[in-house]
Amino acid sequence: MVLHIKVYETKSGQTPVETFIKGMQPPAQAKLARLLTMLEEFGAELSMPHSKPLGDSLYELRIRGKQEVRVFYIFAVARHIYLLHAFQKKTQTTPKKELTIARQRQIEIESIP
């Protein structure tokens, strides 16, 4: 079963994850593209070191290398994976504000009828 990637879109039509990805360094973009292909193919079976569950149906895609990046995502109805939020990881722990943004967007997506 192949899943399909969608990106979170604000009410005004902006796509913050796409904007973030365009600003990434080319090697990190290539790694992300590879991981997204793997995510579409393997879905919830994708695990460490590529993907990590964060609880309450939220997951983290882990791009390692010179530019450490995390992309939060959820699995939604109709075989979709929503990329909710992306950020450059600079510390060992995930900053609460980054997680809060992802959780707010998760609630927004999950409340769509």
C-alpha atoms as a PDB file:
ATOM      1  CA  MET A   1       0.000   0.000   0.000  1.00  0.00           C
ATOM      2  CA  VAL A   2       1.537   3.274  -1.107  1.00  0.00           C
ATOM      3  CA  LEU A   3       0.884   6.334   1.020  1.00  0.00           C
ATOM      4  CA  HIS A   4       0.793   9.896  -0.282  1.00  0.00           C
ATOM      5  CA  ILE A   5       2.622  12.875   1.206  1.00  0.00           C
ATOM      6  CA  LYS A   6       0.730  16.130   1.775  1.00  0.00           C
ATOM      7  CA  VAL A   7       2.032  19.269   3.435  1.00  0.00           C
ATOM      8  CA  TYR A   8       0.238  21.365   6.010  1.00  0.00           C
ATOM      9  CA  GLU A   9      -1.304  24.472   4.486  1.00  0.00           C
ATOM     10  CA  THR A  10      -2.292  27.557   6.480  1.00  0.00           C
ATOM     11  CA  LYS A  11      -5.691  29.154   6.027  1.00  0.00           C
ATOM     12  CA  SER A  12      -3.998  31.801   3.867  1.00  0.00           C
ATOM     13  CA  GLY A  13      -2.534  29.103   1.595  1.00  0.00           C
ATOM     14  CA  GLN A  14       1.053  29.180   2.826  1.00  0.00           C
ATOM     15  CA  THR A  15       3.030  25.933   3.138  1.00  0.00           C
ATOM     16  CA  PRO A  16       5.646  26.488   5.869  1.00  0.00           C
ATOM     17  CA  VAL A  17       7.195  23.022   5.499  1.00  0.00           C
ATOM     18  CA  GLU A  18       7.794  23.522   1.758  1.00  0.00           C
ATOM     19  CA  THR A  19       9.299  26.939   2.460  1.00  0.00           C
ATOM     20  CA  PHE A  20      11.615  25.403   5.056  1.00  0.00           C
ATOM     21  CA  ILE A  21      12.667  22.576   2.702  1.00  0.00           C
ATOM     22  CA  LYS A  22      13.528  25.049  -0.080  1.00  0.00           C
ATOM     23  CA  GLY A  23      15.906  26.784   2.349  1.00  0.00           C
ATOM     24  CA  MET A  24      17.727  23.588   3.321  1.00  0.00           C
ATOM     25  CA  GLN A  25      21.207  22.747   2.046  1.00  0.00           C
ATOM     26  CA  PRO A  26      21.155  20.504  -1.066  1.00  0.00           C
ATOM     27  CA  PRO A  27      22.617  17.417   0.702  1.00  0.00           C
ATOM     28  CA  ALA A  28      19.920  17.656   3.399  1.00  0.00           C
ATOM     29  CA  GLN A  29      17.234  18.132   0.717  1.00  0.00           C
ATOM     30  CA  ALA A  30      18.458  14.954  -1.014  1.00  0.00           C
ATOM     31  CA  LYS A  31      18.379  12.990   2.245  1.00  0.00           C
ATOM     32  CA  LEU A  32      14.874  14.258   2.970  1.00  0.00           C
ATOM     33  CA  ALA A  33      13.669  13.291  -0.521  1.00  0.00           C
ATOM     34  CA  ARG A  34      15.027   9.767   0.025  1.00  0.00           C
ATOM     35  CA  LEU A  35      13.382   9.508   3.453  1.00  0.00           C
ATOM     36  CA  LEU A  36      10.043  10.753   2.117  1.00  0.00           C
ATOM     37  CA  THR A  37      10.154   8.041  -0.558  1.00  0.00           C
ATOM     38  CA  MET A  38      10.866   5.462   2.146  1.00  0.00           C
ATOM     39  CA  LEU A  39       8.039   6.875   4.277  1.00  0.00           C
ATOM     40  CA  GLU A  40       5.567   6.580   1.382  1.00  0.00           C
ATOM     41  CA  GLU A  41       6.652   2.994   0.821  1.00  0.00           C
ATOM     42  CA  PHE A  42       6.943   1.706   4.388  1.00  0.00           C
ATOM     43  CA  GLY A  43       4.529   3.994   6.286  1.00  0.00           C
ATOM     44  CA  ALA A  44       4.361   3.249  10.005  1.00  0.00           C
ATOM     45  CA  GLU A  45       6.884   0.430   9.543  1.00  0.00           C
ATOM     46  CA  LEU A  46       9.649   3.014   9.016  1.00  0.00           C
ATOM     47  CA  SER A  47      11.543   3.190  12.294  1.00  0.00           C
ATOM     48  CA  MET A  48      14.769   4.368  13.911  1.00  0.00           C
ATOM     49  CA  PRO A  49      17.114   5.790  12.859  1.00  0.00           C
ATOM     50  CA  HIS A  50      14.850   7.318  10.169  1.00  0.00           C
ATOM     51  CA  SER A  51      11.603   7.848  12.042  1.00  0.00           C
ATOM     52  CA  LYS A  52      10.624   8.082  15.687  1.00  0.00           C
ATOM     53  CA  PRO A  53       7.141   8.026  17.269  1.00  0.00           C
ATOM     54  CA  LEU A  54       6.531  10.946  19.639  1.00  0.00           C
ATOM     55  CA  GLY A  55       3.192   9.766  21.027  1.00  0.00           C
ATOM     56  CA  ASP A  56      -0.419  10.678  20.278  1.00  0.00           C
ATOM     57  CA  SER A  57      -0.028   9.719  16.582  1.00  0.00           C
ATOM     58  CA  LEU A  58       2.776  12.262  15.980  1.00  0.00           C
ATOM     59  CA  TYR A  59       6.045  11.125  14.383  1.00  0.00           C
ATOM     60  CA  GLU A  60       9.421  12.680  13.689  1.00  0.00           C
ATOM     61  CA  LEU A  61      11.368  12.160  10.453  1.00  0.00           C
ATOM     62  CA  ARG A  62      15.072  12.419  11.244  1.00  0.00           C
ATOM     63  CA  ILE A  63      17.475  13.912   8.691  1.00  0.00           C
ATOM     64  CA  ARG A  64      21.022  13.424   9.955  1.00  0.00           C
ATOM     65  CA  GLY A  65      24.255  15.016   8.750  1.00  0.00           C
ATOM     66  CA  LYS A  66      25.884  18.428   8.640  1.00  0.00           C
ATOM     67  CA  GLN A  67      22.405  19.957   8.777  1.00  0.00           C
ATOM     68  CA  GLU A  68      20.287  18.127  11.390  1.00  0.00           C
ATOM     69  CA  VAL A  69      16.625  18.518  10.482  1.00  0.00           C
ATOM     70  CA  ARG A  70      13.421  17.155  11.964  1.00  0.00           C
ATOM     71  CA  VAL A  71      10.071  16.971  10.189  1.00  0.00           C
ATOM     72  CA  PHE A  72       6.968  16.210  12.249  1.00  0.00           C
ATOM     73  CA  TYR A  73       4.224  14.231  10.532  1.00  0.00           C
ATOM     74  CA  ILE A  74       1.018  12.295  11.097  1.00  0.00           C
ATOM     75  CA  PHE A  75      -0.850   9.583   9.250  1.00  0.00           C
ATOM     76  CA  ALA A  76      -4.296  10.789   8.207  1.00  0.00           C
ATOM     77  CA  VAL A  77      -7.348   9.305   6.523  1.00  0.00           C
ATOM     78  CA  ALA A  78      -7.307   8.248   2.883  1.00  0.00           C
ATOM     79  CA  ARG A  79      -3.710   6.992   3.054  1.00  0.00           C
ATOM     80  CA  HIS A  80      -2.182  10.442   3.476  1.00  0.00           C
ATOM     81  CA  ILE A  81       0.850  11.489   5.460  1.00  0.00           C
ATOM     82  CA  TYR A  82       0.756  15.136   6.506  1.00  0.00           C
ATOM     83  CA  LEU A  83       4.054  16.947   6.998  1.00  0.00           C
ATOM     84  CA  LEU A  84       3.167  19.394   9.750  1.00  0.00           C
ATOM     85  CA  HIS A  85       6.324  21.221  10.762  1.00  0.00           C
ATOM     86  CA  ALA A  86      10.059  21.211  10.062  1.00  0.00           C
ATOM     87  CA  PHE A  87      12.984  22.779  11.884  1.00  0.00           C
ATOM     88  CA  GLN A  88      16.750  22.626  12.143  1.00  0.00           C
ATOM     89  CA  LYS A  89      17.748  20.762  15.270  1.00  0.00           C
ATOM     90  CA  LYS A  90      20.534  22.472  17.204  1.00  0.00           C
ATOM     91  CA  THR A  91      20.233  20.887  20.650  1.00  0.00           C
ATOM     92  CA  GLN A  92      19.976  17.354  22.025  1.00  0.00           C
ATOM     93  CA  THR A  93      16.333  17.798  23.018  1.00  0.00           C
ATOM     94  CA  THR A  94      13.456  18.911  20.831  1.00  0.00           C
ATOM     95  CA  PRO A  95      12.436  22.466  21.765  1.00  0.00           C
ATOM     96  CA  LYS A  96       8.912  22.663  23.237  1.00  0.00           C
ATOM     97  CA  LYS A  97       7.920  25.491  20.891  1.00  0.00           C
ATOM     98  CA  GLU A  98       8.640  23.287  17.836  1.00  0.00           C
ATOM     99  CA  LEU A  99       6.568  20.455  19.293  1.00  0.00           C
ATOM    100  CA  THR A 100       3.755  22.870  20.168  1.00  0.00           C
ATOM    101  CA  ILE A 101       3.554  24.104  16.565  1.00  0.00           C
ATOM    102  CA  ALA A 102       3.316  20.513  15.302  1.00  0.00           C
ATOM    103  CA  ARG A 103       0.656  19.581  17.878  1.00  0.00           C
ATOM    104  CA  GLN A 104      -1.471  22.634  16.984  1.00  0.00           C
ATOM    105  CA  ARG A 105      -1.315  21.736  13.293  1.00  0.00           C
ATOM    106  CA  GLN A 106      -2.092  18.093  14.107  1.00  0.00           C
ATOM    107  CA  ILE A 107      -5.254  19.159  15.937  1.00  0.00           C
ATOM    108  CA  GLU A 108      -6.213  21.362  12.981  1.00  0.00           C
ATOM    109  CA  ILE A 109      -5.755  18.522  10.429  1.00  0.00           C
ATOM    110  CA  GLU A 110      -7.505  15.937  12.594  1.00  0.00           C
ATOM    111  CA  SER A 111     -10.508  18.235  13.103  1.00  0.00           C
ATOM    112  CA  ILE A 112     -11.210  18.440   9.350  1.00  0.00           C
ATOM    113  CA  PRO A 113     -14.375  16.399   8.699  1.00  0.00           C
END
